[in-house]
Amino acid sequence: MEANVATTNGCAVIRLKGRFDFNAHREFRDVVDEALKDGSVQEVQVDLGAVDYLDSSALGMLLMLRDKARGAGKNVSLANCRGAVKQVIEIANFGKLFQIS
């Protein structure tokens, strides 16, 4: 998986590409820490548009991000969920936990 962060106008966008699974946990944690340490950031958006697969460990990592962000007073949203990724997000009822666009 590839991951990067771009911050614009108080919103950190974490763009993920490829397989989002347990093997990506270190890289994901690094970009989350980078996004959350920026004091100007009020919202963190995870762009899943280029993710072709995610598993239960990826869902756990998204929940970890949500908890860390909440502790830092920041909002989290998920963007560009489509195909199989959207199905997994819906089955996990993440619409009740995250703003999804």
Protein backbone atom coordinates (compact mmCIF):
# COMPACT_ATOMS: atom_id res chain seq x y z
CA MET A 1 0.00 0.00 0.00
CA GLU A 2 1.06 3.55 -0.66
CA ALA A 3 0.03 6.34 1.71
CA ASN A 4 0.61 10.07 1.75
CA VAL A 5 -0.78 13.14 3.49
CA ALA A 6 -1.57 16.54 2.02
CA THR A 7 -2.86 19.36 4.23
CA THR A 8 -4.96 22.20 2.86
CA ASN A 9 -7.10 24.72 4.72
CA GLY A 10 -7.15 22.79 7.99
CA CYS A 11 -7.95 19.44 6.38
CA ALA A 12 -5.38 16.64 6.19
CA VAL A 13 -6.17 14.22 3.37
CA ILE A 14 -4.66 10.77 3.76
CA ARG A 15 -4.60 9.16 0.32
CA LEU A 16 -4.25 5.40 0.28
CA LYS A 17 -3.50 3.23 -2.74
CA GLY A 18 -3.45 -0.55 -3.14
CA ARG A 19 -4.21 -3.22 -0.54
CA PHE A 20 -5.15 -1.83 2.86
CA ASP A 21 -4.49 -4.75 5.20
CA PHE A 22 -2.40 -5.69 8.21
CA ASN A 23 0.83 -5.34 6.24
CA ALA A 24 0.08 -1.62 5.88
CA HIS A 25 -0.29 -0.91 9.60
CA ARG A 26 3.11 0.73 10.10
CA GLU A 27 2.80 2.99 7.06
CA PHE A 28 -0.78 3.92 7.99
CA ARG A 29 0.22 4.72 11.57
CA ASP A 30 3.02 6.96 10.31
CA VAL A 31 0.72 9.02 8.07
CA VAL A 32 -1.90 9.24 10.83
CA ASP A 33 0.71 10.56 13.26
CA GLU A 34 1.88 13.07 10.65
CA ALA A 35 -1.67 14.30 10.06
CA LEU A 36 -2.57 14.56 13.75
CA LYS A 37 0.57 16.37 14.87
CA ASP A 38 -0.28 19.40 12.69
CA GLY A 39 -1.99 21.87 15.00
CA SER A 40 -3.74 23.64 12.12
CA VAL A 41 -5.60 20.46 11.11
CA GLN A 42 -9.23 20.29 12.25
CA GLU A 43 -10.34 17.43 10.01
CA VAL A 44 -8.71 14.27 8.71
CA GLN A 45 -10.13 12.74 5.55
CA VAL A 46 -9.14 9.25 4.43
CA ASP A 47 -9.38 8.97 0.63
CA LEU A 48 -10.06 5.33 -0.23
CA GLY A 49 -10.59 5.92 -3.96
CA ALA A 50 -7.44 4.03 -4.99
CA VAL A 51 -7.82 1.20 -2.45
CA ASP A 52 -8.73 -2.06 -4.17
CA TYR A 53 -8.94 -4.24 -1.04
CA LEU A 54 -9.35 -3.81 2.69
CA ASP A 55 -9.79 -6.31 5.48
CA SER A 56 -10.82 -6.34 9.12
CA SER A 57 -7.42 -5.11 10.28
CA ALA A 58 -7.87 -2.06 8.01
CA LEU A 59 -11.23 -1.42 9.67
CA GLY A 60 -9.45 -1.62 13.02
CA MET A 61 -6.86 0.90 11.85
CA LEU A 62 -9.63 3.30 10.78
CA LEU A 63 -11.19 2.95 14.24
CA MET A 64 -7.79 3.65 15.80
CA LEU A 65 -7.52 6.80 13.69
CA ARG A 66 -11.00 7.87 14.79
CA ASP A 67 -10.11 7.41 18.48
CA LYS A 68 -6.78 9.24 18.17
CA ALA A 69 -8.40 12.08 16.21
CA ARG A 70 -11.24 12.41 18.70
CA GLY A 71 -8.68 12.64 21.50
CA ALA A 72 -6.99 15.46 19.58
CA GLY A 73 -10.30 17.25 18.93
CA LYS A 74 -10.32 16.51 15.20
CA ASN A 75 -13.04 15.07 12.95
CA VAL A 76 -12.51 12.10 10.63
CA SER A 77 -14.28 11.33 7.37
CA LEU A 78 -13.96 8.67 4.68
CA ALA A 79 -14.06 9.64 1.00
CA ASN A 80 -14.37 7.92 -2.37
CA CYS A 81 -15.53 4.56 -1.06
CA ARG A 82 -16.52 2.43 -4.05
CA GLY A 83 -16.89 -1.16 -5.18
CA ALA A 84 -15.76 -3.88 -2.79
CA VAL A 85 -14.35 -1.27 -0.38
CA LYS A 86 -17.75 0.40 -0.15
CA GLN A 87 -19.40 -2.97 0.51
CA VAL A 88 -17.05 -3.75 3.40
CA ILE A 89 -17.54 -0.26 4.87
CA GLU A 90 -21.33 -0.66 4.65
CA ILE A 91 -21.36 -4.19 6.10
CA ALA A 92 -19.27 -2.94 9.04
CA ASN A 93 -21.85 -0.15 9.62
CA PHE A 94 -19.11 2.48 9.42
CA GLY A 95 -21.72 4.98 8.21
CA LYS A 96 -22.76 5.26 11.86
CA LEU A 97 -19.17 5.95 12.97
CA PHE A 98 -17.77 8.14 10.19
CA GLN A 99 -18.96 10.82 7.85
CA ILE A 100 -18.72 9.18 4.41
CA SER A 101 -18.63 11.16 1.19
